[in-house]
Amino acid sequence: RRVKAETLHKAKAKNNTDQTLLFPPYVSAAELRVIFRLDYAGVMRMLGVTHLQSKYYWKDYDGREFETSSKRRVIVPFEMAAGPAASLGYKPRLLDVEPDWTSHGPRAVGATGEIEGERLKRVRPTVKGWKVPSGP
């Protein structure tokens, strides 16, 4: 959410010199409309979305076909949004929304400068399957 708000703020700012846009793996046409300052028809044309009989149709680069009846539900992959963004002078970058935490997981440093994970290892009981006392 924070990245989306910063990107939209960056697109609306008049004196912004940084043209880098961070996009998630899938981007909605409604967000692109705000970023590019275009109407829906212009954005749909740039993305290759056709409108026939009150439905929207488009294909991605893998050949998959999509259709929806609402223009707010048109969602395209990063690769399809990057082309129009680059043609308008922006520098699109793919944002990794699910980073790999397996190598070095997030660690918080406590008030004493001690790593929280190490403290929790000492506090957590090591006996498996402890029993919770039941009622009378």
N, C-alpha and C. Protein backbone atom coordinates (compact mmCIF):
# COMPACT_ATOMS: atom_id res chain seq x y z
N ARG A 1 0.82 -1.19 0.00
CA ARG A 1 0.00 0.00 0.00
C ARG A 1 0.86 1.25 0.00
N ARG A 2 1.95 1.21 0.78
CA ARG A 2 2.81 2.38 0.86
C ARG A 2 3.46 2.66 -0.49
N VAL A 3 3.90 1.61 -1.17
CA VAL A 3 4.54 1.79 -2.47
C VAL A 3 3.54 2.32 -3.47
N LYS A 4 2.32 1.82 -3.42
CA LYS A 4 1.29 2.30 -4.33
C LYS A 4 1.01 3.77 -4.08
N ALA A 5 0.92 4.17 -2.83
CA ALA A 5 0.66 5.58 -2.51
C ALA A 5 1.82 6.46 -2.96
N GLU A 6 3.05 6.00 -2.75
CA GLU A 6 4.21 6.78 -3.17
C GLU A 6 4.28 6.90 -4.69
N THR A 7 3.96 5.83 -5.39
CA THR A 7 3.99 5.87 -6.85
C THR A 7 2.92 6.82 -7.37
N LEU A 8 1.71 6.75 -6.82
CA LEU A 8 0.65 7.65 -7.27
C LEU A 8 0.98 9.09 -6.91
N HIS A 9 1.58 9.32 -5.74
CA HIS A 9 1.99 10.67 -5.36
C HIS A 9 3.06 11.19 -6.30
N LYS A 10 3.98 10.31 -6.68
CA LYS A 10 5.05 10.70 -7.58
C LYS A 10 4.48 11.08 -8.95
N ALA A 11 3.45 10.37 -9.38
CA ALA A 11 2.86 10.67 -10.67
C ALA A 11 2.10 11.99 -10.65
N LYS A 12 1.54 12.36 -9.49
CA LYS A 12 0.77 13.59 -9.40
C LYS A 12 1.64 14.81 -9.12
N ALA A 13 2.87 14.61 -8.60
CA ALA A 13 3.73 15.73 -8.24
C ALA A 13 4.20 16.46 -9.50
N LYS A 14 4.14 17.77 -9.47
CA LYS A 14 4.50 18.58 -10.64
C LYS A 14 6.01 18.75 -10.78
N ASN A 15 6.74 18.82 -9.66
CA ASN A 15 8.16 19.09 -9.71
C ASN A 15 9.02 17.84 -9.52
N ASN A 16 8.49 16.68 -9.76
CA ASN A 16 9.22 15.45 -9.56
C ASN A 16 10.16 15.21 -10.75
N THR A 17 11.43 14.98 -10.47
CA THR A 17 12.40 14.73 -11.54
C THR A 17 12.68 13.25 -11.71
N ASP A 18 12.38 12.43 -10.71
CA ASP A 18 12.60 10.99 -10.80
C ASP A 18 11.44 10.36 -11.56
N GLN A 19 11.74 9.74 -12.66
CA GLN A 19 10.70 9.15 -13.51
C GLN A 19 10.56 7.64 -13.31
N THR A 20 11.15 7.10 -12.26
CA THR A 20 11.08 5.66 -11.99
C THR A 20 9.72 5.33 -11.37
N LEU A 21 9.05 4.34 -11.95
CA LEU A 21 7.77 3.86 -11.42
C LEU A 21 7.94 2.42 -10.97
N LEU A 22 7.55 2.13 -9.75
CA LEU A 22 7.59 0.77 -9.23
C LEU A 22 6.25 0.11 -9.46
N PHE A 23 6.26 -0.97 -10.23
CA PHE A 23 5.03 -1.68 -10.53
C PHE A 23 5.05 -3.06 -9.89
N PRO A 24 3.90 -3.53 -9.37
CA PRO A 24 3.80 -4.91 -8.91
C PRO A 24 3.71 -5.84 -10.13
N PRO A 25 3.72 -7.15 -9.93
CA PRO A 25 3.65 -8.06 -11.07
C PRO A 25 2.39 -7.88 -11.92
N TYR A 26 1.29 -7.42 -11.34
CA TYR A 26 0.07 -7.15 -12.10
C TYR A 26 -0.42 -5.74 -11.75
N VAL A 27 -0.81 -4.98 -12.77
CA VAL A 27 -1.20 -3.58 -12.60
C VAL A 27 -2.60 -3.39 -13.18
N SER A 28 -3.43 -2.63 -12.50
CA SER A 28 -4.77 -2.37 -13.02
C SER A 28 -4.74 -1.18 -13.96
N ALA A 29 -5.65 -1.19 -14.92
CA ALA A 29 -5.75 -0.08 -15.87
C ALA A 29 -6.20 1.20 -15.16
N ALA A 30 -6.95 1.06 -14.08
CA ALA A 30 -7.39 2.24 -13.33
C ALA A 30 -6.19 2.97 -12.70
N GLU A 31 -5.21 2.22 -12.17
CA GLU A 31 -4.02 2.84 -11.62
C GLU A 31 -3.19 3.50 -12.71
N LEU A 32 -3.08 2.82 -13.85
CA LEU A 32 -2.32 3.39 -14.96
C LEU A 32 -2.97 4.66 -15.48
N ARG A 33 -4.29 4.73 -15.43
CA ARG A 33 -5.00 5.93 -15.87
C ARG A 33 -4.60 7.12 -15.02
N VAL A 34 -4.48 6.92 -13.71
CA VAL A 34 -4.09 8.00 -12.80
C VAL A 34 -2.62 8.37 -13.02
N ILE A 35 -1.77 7.37 -13.15
CA ILE A 35 -0.34 7.62 -13.31
C ILE A 35 -0.05 8.34 -14.62
N PHE A 36 -0.66 7.88 -15.71
CA PHE A 36 -0.39 8.46 -17.02
C PHE A 36 -1.18 9.73 -17.30
N ARG A 37 -2.17 10.04 -16.46
CA ARG A 37 -3.05 11.19 -16.65
C ARG A 37 -3.75 11.13 -18.01
N LEU A 38 -4.33 9.98 -18.28
CA LEU A 38 -5.09 9.76 -19.52
C LEU A 38 -6.49 9.30 -19.17
N ASP A 39 -7.36 9.30 -20.16
CA ASP A 39 -8.69 8.75 -19.95
C ASP A 39 -8.64 7.23 -20.14
N TYR A 40 -9.74 6.57 -19.79
CA TYR A 40 -9.77 5.11 -19.89
C TYR A 40 -9.55 4.64 -21.33
N ALA A 41 -10.13 5.33 -22.30
CA ALA A 41 -10.00 4.90 -23.69
C ALA A 41 -8.53 4.93 -24.13
N GLY A 42 -7.80 5.96 -23.74
CA GLY A 42 -6.39 6.05 -24.11
C GLY A 42 -5.55 4.97 -23.46
N VAL A 43 -5.81 4.70 -22.18
CA VAL A 43 -5.06 3.65 -21.48
C VAL A 43 -5.37 2.29 -22.07
N MET A 44 -6.63 2.03 -22.35
CA MET A 44 -7.01 0.73 -22.92
C MET A 44 -6.37 0.54 -24.29
N ARG A 45 -6.31 1.59 -25.09
CA ARG A 45 -5.68 1.53 -26.40
C ARG A 45 -4.19 1.21 -26.26
N MET A 46 -3.52 1.85 -25.30
CA MET A 46 -2.10 1.61 -25.10
C MET A 46 -1.81 0.19 -24.62
N LEU A 47 -2.73 -0.38 -23.85
CA LEU A 47 -2.55 -1.73 -23.32
C LEU A 47 -3.02 -2.82 -24.29
N GLY A 48 -3.68 -2.42 -25.35
CA GLY A 48 -4.18 -3.41 -26.31
C GLY A 48 -5.48 -4.06 -25.88
N VAL A 49 -6.26 -3.36 -25.08
CA VAL A 49 -7.55 -3.87 -24.61
C VAL A 49 -8.64 -3.39 -25.57
N THR A 50 -9.45 -4.32 -26.05
CA THR A 50 -10.55 -3.94 -26.95
C THR A 50 -11.87 -3.97 -26.19
N HIS A 51 -12.79 -3.11 -26.62
CA HIS A 51 -14.09 -3.00 -25.98
C HIS A 51 -15.15 -3.34 -27.02
N LEU A 52 -15.84 -4.45 -26.82
CA LEU A 52 -16.89 -4.89 -27.73
C LEU A 52 -18.11 -5.33 -26.94
N GLN A 53 -19.25 -4.80 -27.29
CA GLN A 53 -20.53 -5.19 -26.69
C GLN A 53 -20.46 -5.18 -25.16
N SER A 54 -20.04 -4.09 -24.62
CA SER A 54 -19.95 -3.83 -23.18
C SER A 54 -19.04 -4.82 -22.43
N LYS A 55 -18.06 -5.39 -23.12
CA LYS A 55 -17.06 -6.25 -22.48
C LYS A 55 -15.68 -5.83 -22.95
N TYR A 56 -14.69 -6.07 -22.08
CA TYR A 56 -13.30 -5.74 -22.38
C TYR A 56 -12.53 -7.03 -22.59
N TYR A 57 -11.75 -7.10 -23.69
CA TYR A 57 -10.97 -8.28 -24.03
C TYR A 57 -9.51 -7.89 -24.19
N TRP A 58 -8.60 -8.76 -23.70
CA TRP A 58 -7.18 -8.54 -23.91
C TRP A 58 -6.43 -9.85 -23.77
N LYS A 59 -5.20 -9.87 -24.31
CA LYS A 59 -4.32 -11.03 -24.23
C LYS A 59 -3.01 -10.59 -23.61
N ASP A 60 -2.40 -11.49 -22.84
CA ASP A 60 -1.06 -11.19 -22.34
C ASP A 60 -0.03 -11.80 -23.28
N TYR A 61 1.24 -11.64 -22.96
CA TYR A 61 2.31 -12.11 -23.84
C TYR A 61 2.43 -13.62 -23.86
N ASP A 62 1.83 -14.31 -22.91
CA ASP A 62 1.84 -15.77 -22.90
C ASP A 62 0.72 -16.36 -23.73
N GLY A 63 -0.12 -15.51 -24.31
CA GLY A 63 -1.22 -15.98 -25.15
C GLY A 63 -2.52 -16.23 -24.42
N ARG A 64 -2.56 -15.96 -23.12
CA ARG A 64 -3.81 -16.15 -22.37
C ARG A 64 -4.78 -15.03 -22.71
N GLU A 65 -6.05 -15.38 -22.81
CA GLU A 65 -7.08 -14.40 -23.15
C GLU A 65 -7.92 -14.10 -21.92
N PHE A 66 -8.26 -12.82 -21.77
CA PHE A 66 -9.05 -12.38 -20.62
C PHE A 66 -10.24 -11.58 -21.10
N GLU A 67 -11.28 -11.58 -20.27
CA GLU A 67 -12.45 -10.75 -20.56
C GLU A 67 -13.10 -10.36 -19.25
N THR A 68 -13.65 -9.15 -19.24
CA THR A 68 -14.38 -8.67 -18.08
C THR A 68 -15.42 -7.67 -18.55
N SER A 69 -16.41 -7.44 -17.72
CA SER A 69 -17.45 -6.48 -18.07
C SER A 69 -17.22 -5.13 -17.40
N SER A 70 -16.20 -5.02 -16.56
CA SER A 70 -15.92 -3.78 -15.86
C SER A 70 -14.51 -3.29 -16.20
N LYS A 71 -14.40 -2.03 -16.57
CA LYS A 71 -13.08 -1.49 -16.92
C LYS A 71 -12.18 -1.39 -15.69
N ARG A 72 -12.76 -1.36 -14.51
CA ARG A 72 -11.95 -1.32 -13.28
C ARG A 72 -11.31 -2.67 -12.97
N ARG A 73 -11.78 -3.72 -13.62
CA ARG A 73 -11.23 -5.06 -13.39
C ARG A 73 -10.20 -5.47 -14.43
N VAL A 74 -9.81 -4.57 -15.30
CA VAL A 74 -8.78 -4.87 -16.29
C VAL A 74 -7.42 -4.82 -15.59
N ILE A 75 -6.79 -5.98 -15.48
CA ILE A 75 -5.51 -6.10 -14.80
C ILE A 75 -4.53 -6.76 -15.77
N VAL A 76 -3.40 -6.10 -15.99
CA VAL A 76 -2.42 -6.59 -16.96
C VAL A 76 -1.11 -6.89 -16.26
N PRO A 77 -0.29 -7.82 -16.81
CA PRO A 77 1.00 -8.11 -16.21
C PRO A 77 1.97 -6.94 -16.38
N PHE A 78 3.04 -6.97 -15.61
CA PHE A 78 4.03 -5.90 -15.62
C PHE A 78 4.57 -5.65 -17.02
N GLU A 79 4.84 -6.71 -17.76
CA GLU A 79 5.42 -6.57 -19.09
C GLU A 79 4.54 -5.73 -20.02
N MET A 80 3.23 -5.89 -19.90
CA MET A 80 2.31 -5.12 -20.76
C MET A 80 2.20 -3.67 -20.29
N ALA A 81 2.36 -3.42 -19.00
CA ALA A 81 2.29 -2.04 -18.49
C ALA A 81 3.60 -1.30 -18.68
N ALA A 82 4.72 -2.04 -18.76
CA ALA A 82 6.03 -1.40 -18.87
C ALA A 82 6.22 -0.73 -20.22
N GLY A 83 5.68 -1.31 -21.27
CA GLY A 83 5.83 -0.73 -22.61
C GLY A 83 5.22 0.67 -22.72
N PRO A 84 3.94 0.84 -22.38
CA PRO A 84 3.36 2.18 -22.41
C PRO A 84 4.03 3.15 -21.45
N ALA A 85 4.45 2.67 -20.28
CA ALA A 85 5.13 3.55 -19.33
C ALA A 85 6.44 4.06 -19.91
N ALA A 86 7.20 3.19 -20.56
CA ALA A 86 8.47 3.60 -21.16
C ALA A 86 8.23 4.56 -22.33
N SER A 87 7.15 4.33 -23.09
CA SER A 87 6.88 5.23 -24.22
C SER A 87 6.46 6.63 -23.76
N LEU A 88 5.96 6.74 -22.54
CA LEU A 88 5.59 8.05 -21.99
C LEU A 88 6.73 8.71 -21.22
N GLY A 89 7.91 8.09 -21.21
CA GLY A 89 9.07 8.70 -20.58
C GLY A 89 9.35 8.24 -19.16
N TYR A 90 8.62 7.27 -18.66
CA TYR A 90 8.87 6.74 -17.33
C TYR A 90 9.85 5.58 -17.41
N LYS A 91 10.44 5.23 -16.28
CA LYS A 91 11.34 4.09 -16.18
C LYS A 91 10.68 3.04 -15.29
N PRO A 92 9.95 2.09 -15.87
CA PRO A 92 9.25 1.09 -15.05
C PRO A 92 10.20 0.07 -14.45
N ARG A 93 9.96 -0.27 -13.19
CA ARG A 93 10.73 -1.29 -12.48
C ARG A 93 9.77 -2.26 -11.83
N LEU A 94 10.08 -3.54 -11.92
CA LEU A 94 9.24 -4.57 -11.31
C LEU A 94 9.56 -4.63 -9.83
N LEU A 95 8.53 -4.56 -9.01
CA LEU A 95 8.66 -4.61 -7.57
C LEU A 95 8.45 -6.05 -7.12
N ASP A 96 9.38 -6.59 -6.34
CA ASP A 96 9.25 -7.94 -5.81
C ASP A 96 8.35 -7.88 -4.58
N VAL A 97 7.10 -8.30 -4.74
CA VAL A 97 6.14 -8.20 -3.64
C VAL A 97 6.27 -9.33 -2.64
N GLU A 98 6.95 -10.41 -3.00
CA GLU A 98 7.16 -11.52 -2.09
C GLU A 98 8.64 -11.86 -2.05
N PRO A 99 9.43 -11.11 -1.27
CA PRO A 99 10.86 -11.38 -1.23
C PRO A 99 11.16 -12.72 -0.58
N ASP A 100 12.34 -13.24 -0.84
CA ASP A 100 12.77 -14.52 -0.28
C ASP A 100 13.32 -14.28 1.12
N TRP A 101 12.59 -14.74 2.14
CA TRP A 101 13.01 -14.54 3.52
C TRP A 101 13.75 -15.74 4.07
N THR A 102 13.97 -16.78 3.27
CA THR A 102 14.56 -18.00 3.80
C THR A 102 16.03 -17.84 4.15
N SER A 103 16.77 -17.03 3.40
CA SER A 103 18.20 -16.91 3.67
C SER A 103 18.47 -16.15 4.96
N HIS A 104 17.96 -14.95 5.07
CA HIS A 104 18.15 -14.15 6.27
C HIS A 104 16.80 -13.55 6.63
N GLY A 105 16.12 -14.18 7.55
CA GLY A 105 14.79 -13.72 7.94
C GLY A 105 14.85 -12.36 8.61
N PRO A 106 13.72 -11.71 8.71
CA PRO A 106 13.71 -10.40 9.35
C PRO A 106 14.04 -10.53 10.84
N ARG A 107 14.85 -9.63 11.33
CA ARG A 107 15.24 -9.67 12.73
C ARG A 107 15.04 -8.30 13.32
N ALA A 108 14.53 -8.28 14.51
CA ALA A 108 14.34 -7.01 15.22
C ALA A 108 15.35 -6.94 16.35
N VAL A 109 15.87 -5.77 16.56
CA VAL A 109 16.81 -5.56 17.65
C VAL A 109 16.05 -4.99 18.82
N GLY A 110 16.21 -5.61 19.98
CA GLY A 110 15.49 -5.16 21.17
C GLY A 110 16.07 -3.89 21.75
N ALA A 111 15.50 -3.44 22.85
CA ALA A 111 15.93 -2.20 23.49
C ALA A 111 17.35 -2.29 24.00
N THR A 112 17.79 -3.49 24.37
CA THR A 112 19.15 -3.64 24.90
C THR A 112 20.15 -3.92 23.79
N GLY A 113 19.72 -3.90 22.54
CA GLY A 113 20.62 -4.20 21.43
C GLY A 113 20.72 -5.68 21.14
N GLU A 114 19.95 -6.49 21.86
CA GLU A 114 19.98 -7.93 21.69
C GLU A 114 19.01 -8.31 20.57
N ILE A 115 19.35 -9.27 19.78
CA ILE A 115 18.48 -9.72 18.71
C ILE A 115 17.28 -10.43 19.32
N GLU A 116 16.09 -10.00 18.92
CA GLU A 116 14.86 -10.53 19.52
C GLU A 116 14.73 -12.04 19.32
N GLY A 117 15.13 -12.54 18.17
CA GLY A 117 15.01 -13.97 17.92
C GLY A 117 15.80 -14.79 18.90
N GLU A 118 16.99 -14.32 19.27
CA GLU A 118 17.82 -15.04 20.24
C GLU A 118 17.18 -15.04 21.62
N ARG A 119 16.58 -13.92 21.99
CA ARG A 119 15.92 -13.84 23.30
C ARG A 119 14.72 -14.78 23.34
N LEU A 120 13.96 -14.85 22.26
CA LEU A 120 12.79 -15.72 22.23
C LEU A 120 13.18 -17.19 22.31
N LYS A 121 14.34 -17.54 21.78
CA LYS A 121 14.78 -18.93 21.89
C LYS A 121 15.02 -19.32 23.34
N ARG A 122 15.51 -18.39 24.14
CA ARG A 122 15.76 -18.69 25.54
C ARG A 122 14.48 -18.72 26.35
N VAL A 123 13.48 -17.89 26.00
CA VAL A 123 12.24 -17.80 26.76
C VAL A 123 11.31 -18.94 26.42
N ARG A 124 11.28 -19.33 25.16
CA ARG A 124 10.36 -20.35 24.70
C ARG A 124 10.69 -21.70 25.34
N PRO A 125 9.70 -22.43 25.83
CA PRO A 125 9.97 -23.74 26.44
C PRO A 125 10.46 -24.73 25.39
N THR A 126 11.37 -25.59 25.80
CA THR A 126 11.93 -26.56 24.87
C THR A 126 11.24 -27.91 24.96
N VAL A 127 10.37 -28.10 25.95
CA VAL A 127 9.67 -29.36 26.12
C VAL A 127 8.51 -29.40 25.13
N LYS A 128 8.45 -30.47 24.36
CA LYS A 128 7.37 -30.58 23.37
C LYS A 128 6.14 -31.19 24.02
N GLY A 129 4.99 -30.72 23.57
CA GLY A 129 3.72 -31.30 23.97
C GLY A 129 3.35 -31.04 25.42
N TRP A 130 3.57 -29.83 25.90
CA TRP A 130 3.15 -29.59 27.27
C TRP A 130 1.67 -29.53 27.35
N LYS A 131 1.15 -29.91 28.52
CA LYS A 131 -0.29 -30.04 28.70
C LYS A 131 -0.84 -28.80 29.37
N VAL A 132 -1.98 -28.38 28.86
CA VAL A 132 -2.68 -27.24 29.47
C VAL A 132 -3.59 -27.81 30.55
N PRO A 133 -3.51 -27.26 31.76
CA PRO A 133 -4.36 -27.80 32.82
C PRO A 133 -5.84 -27.64 32.46
N SER A 134 -6.58 -28.69 32.61
CA SER A 134 -8.01 -28.62 32.31
C SER A 134 -8.79 -28.20 33.54
N GLY A 135 -10.05 -27.95 33.35
CA GLY A 135 -10.91 -27.49 34.45
C GLY A 135 -11.08 -28.53 35.54
N PRO A 136 -11.86 -28.21 36.60
CA PRO A 136 -12.03 -29.11 37.76
C PRO A 136 -12.66 -30.42 37.44
